[in-house]
Protein backbone atom coordinates (compact mmCIF):
# COMPACT_ATOMS: atom_id res chain seq x y z
CA MET A 1 -0.46 13.16 18.01
CA GLN A 2 -2.17 11.33 20.83
CA GLY A 3 0.02 9.31 23.14
CA PHE A 4 0.34 5.58 22.65
CA GLU A 5 -1.87 4.14 25.38
CA THR A 6 -1.37 1.16 27.61
CA ALA A 7 -3.25 -2.04 26.89
CA GLY A 8 -5.71 -1.27 29.69
CA VAL A 9 -6.56 2.16 28.33
CA LEU A 10 -6.89 0.73 24.83
CA ALA A 11 -9.23 -1.96 26.14
CA MET A 12 -11.46 0.62 27.81
CA LYS A 13 -11.56 2.69 24.62
CA ALA A 14 -12.38 -0.40 22.58
CA LEU A 15 -15.23 -1.22 24.96
CA LYS A 16 -16.68 2.27 24.63
CA VAL A 17 -16.34 2.12 20.85
CA SER A 18 -17.94 -1.33 20.72
CA LEU A 19 -20.89 -0.16 22.82
CA ALA A 20 -21.34 2.91 20.60
CA ALA A 21 -21.18 0.75 17.47
CA LEU A 22 -23.68 -1.73 18.88
CA LEU A 23 -26.10 1.04 19.79
CA TRP A 24 -25.81 2.44 16.25
CA MET A 25 -26.35 -0.96 14.66
CA ALA A 26 -29.32 -1.63 16.94
CA ALA A 27 -30.89 1.67 15.91
CA VAL A 28 -30.39 0.85 12.23
CA GLY A 29 -31.56 -2.73 12.68
CA ALA A 30 -34.71 -1.62 14.45
CA GLN A 31 -35.82 0.01 11.22
CA GLY A 32 -36.27 -3.49 9.79
CA GLU A 33 -34.81 -2.73 6.38
CA VAL A 34 -32.04 -4.70 4.70
CA LYS A 35 -28.99 -2.53 4.14
CA LEU A 36 -25.65 -3.30 2.48
CA PRO A 37 -22.32 -1.65 3.23
CA LYS A 38 -21.24 0.94 0.67
CA VAL A 39 -18.49 -1.26 -0.78
CA LEU A 40 -21.10 -3.82 -1.94
CA ALA A 41 -22.68 -2.10 -4.92
CA ASP A 42 -23.52 -2.31 -8.63
CA HIS A 43 -20.57 -2.98 -11.00
CA MET A 44 -18.34 -4.39 -8.26
CA VAL A 45 -15.85 -7.25 -8.57
CA LEU A 46 -15.95 -10.19 -6.18
CA GLN A 47 -12.87 -12.34 -5.61
CA ARG A 48 -12.84 -15.56 -7.64
CA GLY A 49 -11.93 -18.94 -6.22
CA VAL A 50 -12.96 -18.25 -2.61
CA PRO A 51 -16.33 -18.29 -0.81
CA ILE A 52 -18.25 -15.09 -1.56
CA HIS A 53 -18.91 -13.17 1.65
CA LEU A 54 -21.80 -10.70 1.80
CA TRP A 55 -23.01 -8.89 4.89
CA GLY A 56 -25.10 -5.99 6.12
CA LEU A 57 -27.82 -4.84 8.51
CA ALA A 58 -31.49 -5.63 8.91
CA GLY A 59 -34.10 -5.79 11.64
CA ALA A 60 -33.13 -7.89 14.66
CA GLY A 61 -34.12 -11.49 13.99
CA GLU A 62 -34.96 -10.77 10.35
CA HIS A 63 -34.38 -13.59 7.84
CA VAL A 64 -32.20 -12.50 4.92
CA THR A 65 -31.82 -14.54 1.73
CA VAL A 66 -29.10 -13.86 -0.82
CA THR A 67 -29.33 -15.31 -4.33
CA LEU A 68 -26.74 -15.45 -7.10
CA GLU A 69 -27.98 -17.46 -10.08
CA ALA A 70 -28.71 -20.99 -8.76
CA ASP A 71 -26.94 -20.35 -5.45
CA SER A 72 -29.14 -19.19 -2.59
CA VAL A 73 -28.28 -18.92 1.09
CA SER A 74 -30.12 -17.50 4.08
CA GLY A 75 -29.12 -15.99 7.39
CA VAL A 76 -30.75 -14.36 10.40
CA ALA A 77 -29.87 -10.90 11.67
CA ASP A 78 -28.59 -10.96 15.24
CA SER A 79 -29.92 -8.95 18.17
CA VAL A 80 -28.40 -5.73 16.87
CA GLY A 81 -29.29 -6.34 13.23
CA ARG A 82 -26.06 -7.73 11.80
CA TRP A 83 -26.28 -10.49 9.20
CA SER A 84 -23.64 -12.32 7.22
CA VAL A 85 -23.83 -15.06 4.58
CA THR A 86 -21.39 -16.97 2.42
CA LEU A 87 -22.09 -18.14 -1.12
CA PRO A 88 -20.05 -20.86 -2.85
CA ALA A 89 -16.83 -19.86 -4.59
CA ARG A 90 -16.99 -19.13 -8.32
CA PRO A 91 -14.49 -18.94 -11.14
CA ALA A 92 -14.03 -15.68 -13.03
CA GLY A 93 -17.16 -14.64 -14.86
CA GLY A 94 -20.25 -12.48 -14.99
CA PRO A 95 -21.98 -10.16 -15.19
CA TYR A 96 -24.31 -11.38 -12.47
CA LYS A 97 -27.24 -10.04 -10.49
CA ILE A 98 -27.28 -10.61 -6.73
CA THR A 99 -30.59 -10.33 -4.89
CA VAL A 100 -30.75 -9.67 -1.15
CA GLN A 101 -34.23 -10.36 0.22
CA GLY A 102 -35.57 -9.45 3.65
CA THR A 103 -38.62 -7.34 4.42
CA ASN A 104 -37.36 -5.36 1.44
CA THR A 105 -35.28 -6.35 -1.60
CA VAL A 106 -31.89 -4.99 -2.63
CA GLU A 107 -30.33 -5.86 -5.98
CA LEU A 108 -26.71 -5.67 -7.05
CA ASN A 109 -26.41 -5.51 -10.83
CA ASP A 110 -23.53 -6.03 -13.29
CA VAL A 111 -21.39 -7.82 -10.70
CA LEU A 112 -18.24 -9.55 -11.98
CA VAL A 113 -16.13 -12.28 -10.39
CA GLY A 114 -12.39 -11.93 -10.88
CA ASP A 115 -9.46 -10.59 -8.88
CA LEU A 116 -9.73 -7.76 -6.39
CA TRP A 117 -6.72 -5.64 -5.37
CA VAL A 118 -6.44 -2.84 -2.81
CA ALA A 119 -4.09 0.05 -3.70
CA SER A 120 -3.06 2.13 -0.70
CA GLY A 121 -0.42 4.53 0.61
CA GLN A 122 0.37 8.20 0.28
CA SER A 123 0.61 10.67 -2.60
CA ASN A 124 2.65 8.62 -5.07
CA MET A 125 -0.08 5.97 -4.96
CA GLU A 126 -2.81 8.61 -4.77
CA MET A 127 -1.48 10.55 -7.79
CA PRO A 128 -4.20 10.21 -10.46
CA VAL A 129 -3.74 9.36 -14.12
CA LYS A 130 -4.48 12.99 -15.03
CA GLY A 131 -1.73 14.14 -12.62
CA PHE A 132 -1.98 16.54 -9.72
CA SER A 133 -1.30 19.73 -11.69
CA SER A 134 0.48 21.12 -14.74
CA VAL A 135 3.83 20.55 -13.01
CA MET A 136 2.98 17.26 -11.29
CA VAL A 137 2.20 15.11 -14.30
CA ILE A 138 1.92 11.50 -15.39
CA LYS A 139 3.90 10.66 -18.53
CA ASP A 140 1.64 10.58 -21.60
CA SER A 141 -1.42 11.07 -19.42
CA ALA A 142 -3.70 12.34 -22.20
CA THR A 143 -2.91 9.30 -24.36
CA GLU A 144 -3.28 6.92 -21.43
CA ILE A 145 -6.69 8.36 -20.54
CA ALA A 146 -7.92 8.25 -24.13
CA LYS A 147 -7.15 4.55 -24.53
CA ALA A 148 -8.40 3.41 -21.10
CA GLN A 149 -11.39 1.48 -22.38
CA TYR A 150 -11.51 -1.60 -20.14
CA PRO A 151 -15.08 -2.40 -19.07
CA GLN A 152 -13.90 -5.51 -17.21
CA ILE A 153 -11.65 -3.41 -14.99
CA ARG A 154 -13.73 -1.85 -12.22
CA LEU A 155 -12.62 1.09 -10.10
CA LEU A 156 -13.63 2.10 -6.57
CA HIS A 157 -12.20 5.30 -5.09
CA VAL A 158 -12.51 5.48 -1.29
CA LYS A 159 -13.00 9.04 -0.09
CA GLN A 160 -10.45 10.34 2.39
CA ALA A 161 -11.61 10.09 5.99
CA ALA A 162 -10.19 9.53 9.44
CA SER A 163 -11.66 8.04 12.59
CA GLY A 164 -10.69 7.47 16.20
CA TYR A 165 -12.12 3.93 16.11
CA PRO A 166 -12.64 1.21 13.46
CA LEU A 167 -15.72 1.79 11.32
CA ASP A 168 -18.02 -0.95 10.05
CA ASP A 169 -18.75 1.02 6.89
CA LEU A 170 -17.12 3.73 4.82
CA LYS A 171 -18.07 7.23 5.94
CA ASP A 172 -18.99 8.57 2.52
CA ALA A 173 -20.86 7.23 -0.47
CA VAL A 174 -18.74 5.50 -3.12
CA ALA A 175 -19.51 3.99 -6.50
CA TRP A 176 -17.91 1.22 -8.53
CA GLN A 177 -17.16 2.47 -12.04
CA LEU A 178 -16.24 0.80 -15.30
CA CYS A 179 -12.74 1.80 -16.36
CA SER A 180 -13.08 4.27 -19.23
CA PRO A 181 -11.63 7.58 -20.44
CA GLU A 182 -14.36 9.28 -18.40
CA THR A 183 -13.49 7.56 -15.11
CA VAL A 184 -9.78 6.70 -15.08
CA GLY A 185 -8.40 10.25 -14.95
CA THR A 186 -9.07 10.71 -11.24
CA PHE A 187 -7.99 7.19 -10.24
CA SER A 188 -4.59 6.15 -8.88
CA ALA A 189 -2.16 5.98 -11.81
CA VAL A 190 -0.04 3.25 -10.20
CA GLY A 191 -3.20 1.32 -9.35
CA TYR A 192 -4.58 1.61 -12.88
CA PHE A 193 -1.31 0.71 -14.65
CA PHE A 194 -0.89 -2.26 -12.32
CA GLY A 195 -4.46 -3.43 -12.90
CA ARG A 196 -4.19 -3.01 -16.64
CA ASN A 197 -1.08 -5.20 -16.73
CA ILE A 198 -2.74 -7.87 -14.59
CA TYR A 199 -5.86 -7.83 -16.75
CA GLU A 200 -3.82 -8.24 -19.94
CA GLN A 201 -1.91 -11.17 -18.42
CA GLU A 202 -4.71 -12.98 -16.59
CA LYS A 203 -7.69 -12.19 -18.85
CA VAL A 204 -10.12 -12.05 -15.91
CA PRO A 205 -12.15 -9.16 -14.47
CA ILE A 206 -10.06 -6.94 -12.21
CA GLY A 207 -11.37 -4.83 -9.33
CA LEU A 208 -9.19 -2.01 -8.00
CA ILE A 209 -9.87 -0.18 -4.73
CA ASP A 210 -8.00 3.13 -4.38
CA SER A 211 -7.71 3.93 -0.66
CA THR A 212 -4.99 6.58 -0.41
CA TRP A 213 -4.10 9.85 1.31
CA GLY A 214 -1.05 11.95 0.44
CA GLY A 215 1.40 13.04 3.10
CA THR A 216 0.50 10.36 5.63
CA PRO A 217 2.73 8.12 7.78
CA ALA A 218 2.54 4.33 7.83
CA GLU A 219 1.35 4.17 11.43
CA ALA A 220 -1.88 5.96 10.46
CA TRP A 221 -2.70 2.98 8.20
CA ALA A 222 -2.23 0.23 10.81
CA SER A 223 -4.83 -0.70 13.42
CA MET A 224 -4.31 0.34 17.02
CA ASP A 225 -4.38 -3.22 18.31
CA GLY A 226 -1.84 -4.18 15.62
CA LEU A 227 0.47 -1.36 16.64
CA SER A 228 0.01 -2.13 20.33
CA ARG A 229 1.41 -5.64 19.90
CA SER A 230 4.91 -4.19 19.38
CA PRO A 231 6.63 -2.75 22.48
CA ALA A 232 9.17 -1.08 20.19
CA ILE A 233 6.42 0.77 18.33
CA GLY A 234 4.81 1.76 21.62
CA ALA A 235 8.00 3.53 22.68
CA VAL A 236 8.28 5.24 19.30
CA MET A 237 4.69 6.49 19.43
CA ARG A 238 5.07 7.89 22.95
CA GLU A 239 8.20 9.77 21.87
CA ARG A 240 6.50 11.18 18.81
CA ALA A 241 3.45 12.24 20.79
CA ALA A 242 5.70 14.35 23.00
CA ASP A 243 7.22 15.98 19.92
CA MET A 244 3.92 16.69 18.20
CA ASP A 245 2.34 19.21 20.55
CA GLY A 246 1.39 22.82 20.09
CA GLU A 247 3.21 24.97 17.58
CA GLU A 248 5.14 22.11 15.96
CA LYS A 249 1.87 20.39 15.06
CA ILE A 250 0.58 23.60 13.48
CA LEU A 251 3.79 24.07 11.49
CA LEU A 252 3.68 20.48 10.27
CA GLN A 253 0.07 20.88 9.18
CA LYS A 254 0.93 24.07 7.33
CA GLY A 255 3.61 22.15 5.47
CA ILE A 256 1.19 19.36 4.55
CA ASP A 257 -1.44 21.85 3.44
CA ALA A 258 1.12 23.72 1.34
CA ALA A 259 2.09 20.46 -0.39
CA ASP A 260 -1.58 19.66 -1.01
CA ALA A 261 -2.18 23.12 -2.45
CA ALA A 262 0.84 22.74 -4.74
CA ALA A 263 -0.62 19.45 -5.94
CA GLY A 264 -3.82 21.24 -6.88
CA LYS A 265 -5.87 19.72 -4.04
CA THR A 266 -8.36 21.58 -1.89
CA VAL A 267 -7.06 22.25 1.60
CA PRO A 268 -9.73 21.32 4.15
CA ASN A 269 -10.90 23.41 7.07
CA ARG A 270 -8.84 22.20 10.00
CA SER A 271 -10.36 24.16 12.84
CA SER A 272 -10.31 21.09 15.08
CA ASN A 273 -7.90 18.15 15.39
CA PRO A 274 -5.89 19.33 12.35
CA LEU A 275 -3.63 16.28 12.22
CA ILE A 276 -6.13 13.49 12.78
CA HIS A 277 -4.99 11.81 9.56
CA TRP A 278 -1.51 11.50 11.13
CA GLU A 279 -2.83 9.84 14.28
CA PRO A 280 -1.94 6.15 14.75
CA ALA A 281 -4.69 3.97 13.22
CA ALA A 282 -6.84 6.93 12.08
CA LEU A 283 -6.78 5.99 8.39
CA TYR A 284 -6.96 2.27 9.03
CA ASN A 285 -10.10 2.89 11.06
CA ALA A 286 -11.94 4.84 8.36
CA MET A 287 -10.45 3.71 5.04
CA ILE A 288 -9.27 0.09 5.54
CA ALA A 289 -11.30 -1.50 8.34
CA PRO A 290 -14.59 -1.24 6.36
CA LEU A 291 -12.97 -3.23 3.52
CA THR A 292 -11.58 -6.14 5.52
CA LYS A 293 -14.71 -8.32 5.33
CA LEU A 294 -14.35 -8.39 1.56
CA PRO A 295 -12.02 -11.16 0.27
CA ILE A 296 -9.24 -9.77 -1.96
CA ARG A 297 -6.37 -11.11 -4.07
CA GLY A 298 -3.74 -8.83 -2.57
CA VAL A 299 -2.46 -5.35 -1.76
CA ILE A 300 -0.22 -2.90 -3.59
CA TRP A 301 1.37 -0.15 -1.49
CA TYR A 302 3.40 2.99 -2.21
CA GLN A 303 4.35 4.96 0.89
CA GLY A 304 7.37 5.88 2.97
CA GLU A 305 8.16 9.51 2.18
CA SER A 306 6.33 10.74 5.29
CA ASN A 307 8.39 8.36 7.43
CA ALA A 308 11.69 9.47 5.92
CA SER A 309 12.67 12.09 8.49
CA GLN A 310 15.79 11.32 10.52
CA GLN A 311 13.57 10.73 13.54
CA ARG A 312 11.14 8.32 11.88
CA ALA A 313 13.27 6.52 9.27
CA PRO A 314 15.12 4.06 11.56
CA ASP A 315 11.78 2.72 12.87
CA TYR A 316 10.11 2.35 9.48
CA GLY A 317 10.88 -1.35 9.12
CA GLU A 318 9.22 -2.13 12.46
CA VAL A 319 6.15 -0.02 11.68
CA PHE A 320 5.80 -1.25 8.10
CA GLY A 321 6.28 -4.92 8.95
CA THR A 322 3.70 -4.57 11.70
CA LEU A 323 1.25 -2.99 9.24
CA ILE A 324 1.63 -5.87 6.77
CA GLU A 325 1.08 -8.53 9.43
CA ASP A 326 -1.79 -6.49 10.86
CA TRP A 327 -3.65 -6.28 7.54
CA ARG A 328 -3.16 -10.00 7.00
CA THR A 329 -4.67 -10.67 10.41
CA LYS A 330 -7.62 -8.37 9.75
CA TRP A 331 -8.38 -9.83 6.31
CA LYS A 332 -7.90 -13.38 7.62
CA ILE A 333 -6.22 -14.44 4.37
CA GLY A 334 -2.99 -15.96 5.69
CA ASP A 335 0.07 -14.68 3.85
CA LEU A 336 -1.91 -12.19 1.77
CA PRO A 337 0.30 -11.00 -1.15
CA PHE A 338 1.59 -7.57 -0.19
CA LEU A 339 3.52 -5.81 -2.96
CA TYR A 340 5.07 -2.41 -2.44
CA VAL A 341 7.18 0.27 -4.08
CA GLN A 342 10.55 1.30 -2.71
CA ILE A 343 10.53 5.09 -2.57
CA ALA A 344 12.04 6.68 -5.67
CA SER A 345 15.12 8.86 -6.00
CA TYR A 346 14.64 12.49 -4.99
CA THR A 347 16.77 15.28 -3.55
CA ALA A 348 15.99 14.75 0.11
CA GLY A 349 17.56 14.23 3.51
CA PRO A 350 19.53 11.29 4.93
CA GLY A 351 16.38 9.48 6.04
CA TRP A 352 15.45 8.49 2.49
CA PRO A 353 18.11 5.82 1.92
CA ILE A 354 17.38 4.49 5.42
CA VAL A 355 13.69 4.02 4.55
CA ARG A 356 14.64 2.31 1.28
CA ASP A 357 16.84 -0.13 3.15
CA GLN A 358 14.13 -0.74 5.74
CA GLN A 359 11.77 -1.53 2.86
CA ARG A 360 14.33 -3.94 1.39
CA ARG A 361 14.68 -5.73 4.73
CA THR A 362 10.90 -6.10 5.00
CA LEU A 363 11.17 -8.69 2.21
CA ARG A 364 11.91 -11.14 5.01
CA LEU A 365 8.13 -11.48 5.30
CA LYS A 366 6.63 -14.23 3.17
CA ASN A 367 4.67 -13.27 0.04
CA THR A 368 6.01 -9.72 -0.05
CA GLY A 369 7.57 -8.13 -3.11
CA MET A 370 9.29 -4.79 -3.69
CA ALA A 371 9.29 -2.79 -6.92
CA VAL A 372 12.48 -0.75 -7.08
CA ALA A 373 11.98 2.79 -8.41
CA ILE A 374 15.44 4.29 -7.88
CA ASP A 375 15.85 4.75 -11.65
CA VAL A 376 12.52 6.49 -12.35
CA GLY A 377 12.69 9.26 -9.75
CA GLU A 378 13.17 12.96 -10.50
CA GLU A 379 15.80 15.06 -8.78
CA HIS A 380 13.52 17.93 -7.79
CA GLN A 381 10.05 16.36 -8.08
CA ILE A 382 8.78 14.09 -5.33
CA HIS A 383 6.04 12.74 -7.63
CA PRO A 384 7.86 11.13 -10.58
CA ALA A 385 5.98 10.95 -13.87
CA GLN A 386 6.82 7.39 -14.95
CA LYS A 387 4.09 5.60 -13.05
CA GLN A 388 3.71 3.12 -15.92
CA VAL A 389 7.07 1.59 -15.01
CA VAL A 390 6.07 1.31 -11.37
CA GLY A 391 2.77 -0.38 -12.27
CA GLU A 392 4.56 -2.80 -14.59
CA ARG A 393 7.07 -3.78 -11.91
CA LEU A 394 4.34 -4.34 -9.34
CA ALA A 395 2.49 -6.48 -11.88
CA LEU A 396 5.63 -8.58 -12.44
CA LEU A 397 5.76 -9.20 -8.69
CA ALA A 398 2.08 -10.17 -8.71
CA GLU A 399 2.62 -12.60 -11.57
CA SER A 400 5.35 -14.30 -9.55
CA ILE A 401 3.96 -14.11 -6.00
CA ALA A 402 0.17 -14.07 -6.42
CA TYR A 403 -0.19 -16.04 -9.66
CA GLY A 404 2.75 -18.45 -9.42
CA LYS A 405 4.26 -17.62 -12.81
CA ASN A 406 7.91 -18.40 -13.52
CA VAL A 407 9.09 -14.86 -14.25
CA VAL A 408 11.99 -12.75 -13.08
CA SER A 409 10.13 -10.19 -10.99
CA SER A 410 12.87 -8.44 -9.01
CA GLY A 411 16.11 -6.65 -9.64
CA PRO A 412 19.29 -7.64 -7.76
CA LEU A 413 18.84 -7.77 -3.97
CA PHE A 414 21.86 -7.70 -1.66
CA LYS A 415 22.66 -11.13 -0.20
CA GLU A 416 26.11 -10.97 1.40
CA ALA A 417 29.55 -9.34 1.22
CA ILE A 418 32.60 -11.62 1.36
CA PRO A 419 36.16 -10.31 1.95
CA VAL A 420 38.42 -10.93 -1.06
CA ASP A 421 41.85 -9.51 -1.97
CA GLY A 422 41.55 -6.29 0.02
CA GLY A 423 37.99 -5.71 -1.16
CA LEU A 424 34.52 -7.24 -0.90
CA LYS A 425 32.72 -9.61 -3.24
CA VAL A 426 29.02 -8.77 -3.18
CA THR A 427 26.47 -11.44 -4.04
CA PHE A 428 22.81 -10.93 -4.88
CA ASP A 429 19.51 -12.68 -5.09
CA SER A 430 17.96 -12.18 -8.55
CA GLY A 431 21.45 -11.36 -9.74
CA VAL A 432 21.68 -13.43 -12.92
CA GLY A 433 23.12 -11.38 -15.77
CA LEU A 434 24.43 -8.45 -13.72
CA LYS A 435 25.41 -5.44 -15.82
CA ALA A 436 26.07 -1.72 -15.66
CA VAL A 437 23.69 0.39 -17.74
CA GLY A 438 24.60 3.75 -19.28
CA GLY A 439 28.25 3.84 -18.26
CA PRO A 440 30.77 2.38 -15.80
CA LEU A 441 29.32 0.76 -12.70
CA GLY A 442 29.06 3.24 -9.84
CA GLY A 443 27.25 4.11 -6.65
CA PHE A 444 29.19 1.74 -4.35
CA GLU A 445 30.92 2.70 -1.11
CA VAL A 446 32.78 0.69 1.51
CA ALA A 447 33.65 1.20 5.18
CA GLY A 448 35.88 -0.40 7.75
CA GLU A 449 35.00 -1.26 11.34
CA ASP A 450 34.67 2.48 12.05
CA GLY A 451 31.62 2.68 9.78
CA VAL A 452 33.02 5.64 7.80
CA PHE A 453 32.14 5.09 4.14
CA ALA A 454 34.28 6.08 1.17
CA ALA A 455 33.71 5.82 -2.57
CA ALA A 456 34.73 2.48 -4.05
CA ASP A 457 35.52 1.13 -7.49
CA ALA A 458 33.06 -1.55 -8.52
CA THR A 459 33.38 -4.24 -11.18
CA VAL A 460 30.88 -6.84 -12.34
CA SER A 461 32.36 -10.31 -12.07
CA GLY A 462 29.90 -12.90 -13.33
CA ASP A 463 26.89 -12.66 -11.06
CA THR A 464 28.78 -10.77 -8.35
CA VAL A 465 30.22 -7.29 -7.89
CA VAL A 466 33.75 -6.76 -6.55
CA VAL A 467 34.28 -3.46 -4.71
CA LYS A 468 37.59 -1.93 -3.58
CA SER A 469 38.72 1.43 -2.27
CA ALA A 470 42.22 2.87 -2.07
CA THR A 471 41.32 4.63 1.18
CA VAL A 472 39.67 1.69 2.96
CA THR A 473 42.18 -1.14 2.98
CA LYS A 474 40.16 -3.52 5.19
CA PRO A 475 36.54 -3.04 4.16
CA VAL A 476 33.85 -4.58 6.33
CA TYR A 477 30.66 -2.95 5.06
CA VAL A 478 29.38 -2.04 1.62
CA ARG A 479 26.48 0.12 0.50
CA TYR A 480 24.97 1.13 -2.82
CA ALA A 481 23.03 4.18 -4.06
CA TRP A 482 23.03 5.59 -0.55
CA ALA A 483 21.53 9.05 -1.01
CA GLY A 484 18.15 10.66 -1.52
CA TRP A 485 19.20 11.34 -5.12
CA PRO A 486 22.13 9.01 -5.96
CA LYS A 487 24.39 10.44 -8.65
CA VAL A 488 24.85 6.94 -10.06
CA ALA A 489 22.66 3.87 -9.57
CA ASN A 490 23.13 1.78 -12.68
CA LEU A 491 23.35 -1.88 -11.63
CA TYR A 492 20.74 -4.09 -13.32
CA ASN A 493 20.20 -7.80 -13.87
CA GLY A 494 19.64 -9.65 -17.12
CA ALA A 495 15.90 -8.93 -16.96
CA ASP A 496 16.66 -5.18 -17.08
CA LEU A 497 15.42 -4.65 -13.53
CA PRO A 498 17.40 -2.27 -11.28
CA ALA A 499 19.25 -3.28 -8.14
CA SER A 500 17.84 -2.13 -4.83
CA PRO A 501 19.86 0.40 -2.84
CA PHE A 502 21.24 -1.26 0.31
CA THR A 503 23.72 -1.21 3.12
CA SER A 504 25.29 -4.30 4.68
CA GLN A 505 25.77 -2.37 7.91
CA PRO A 506 23.32 -3.63 10.57
């Protein structure tokens, strides 16, 4: 991994990149032909309720007119051929035809206006409805594919690519597709199940953009300038760069390729820069930056497994929080709803519960929501099959956070632990109707000032849980479901949503 540069070095690189981009745009613009970015295409969905932004390239100084029904607006391409126009906001509807007129004419047909969501992350978000292989399956996939006839749900699958600098357009051709049994099989299962739930609730066209890459760390999905704003992340990146040289890099890549092969994916030729998709900002540059001019309703995210090593896990909260704020800055949509999945249960190392708790703590950011998946994981399968449940829980969060509905959208979230009678009384947000499911309440541990945890007895008391241990007479800290694969994690609220794993230890 490349070292994390100083601000001066980053500025010089940005200048070189900007000059290269300007030269490219000037060359394209000199051709005098109106061009649209790949994401603007037939069958797409535009975000309702906000001004409609369209952009592209043309000859320098060329007048470009964009027409959508009775709305028409013109702009002039700048000295390097860039043009940008904004049409008035529209409610949900369509289909529409958009005409872009310069020295040539480009038409966008069958365009809908509704809600547009970006689905991103690593393999558990990437995992398609048809599954990865015969052993990495989606529950009831054949039935789900057969009934996926939703012409007002539109799907766009961004091809995997990496770049050393932010791109203005996607590298490879893409196509918006109507959701059908013929198209949904290769699309993100979590993304589809989420979108289907939103469509059934909101009754408006839904656009889903699948921009995912399995086995990738969070820092690859954040921009370099976003990462560079955090001194803590800078130190982390420099340390990792020193650890990622030579043979270790090759061994890591072999491991990633082996996982890809097991998932039935083609392993690419990596004769040069084999880990570019692990580089800070590499995936943001190629797979997110080209989307940020397009207004969206929000983001759904499922990632964290690649940051769950003992080395990376403690820093995940800093990296992930930075990514969320970075995307909001780049999209220029204020507190853009950002909904994510807490990594599921799986037999793994001690970094997994740390990442889960870092994800829980990221809820401090406004308009974020976390779908707990501790109860749908599989002990020896990192890609659990019940993606329907995950999509449903993300959709509940969207209904609450993005659509303002009065629904219980979260399971119990740790609030505080209060000493009581030689034990601790644990209180929760979203804790109304606490109950143990499937047997006696378990999964709780307590520790004294020494931080050494021991198993504790736990009892539901109204909307709280009281925990005590015979071996820890003065408990200070409490934790729950603290393992890669917890033997017991059966605390739910009255809405049948599971409690998040947590530790009260700082």
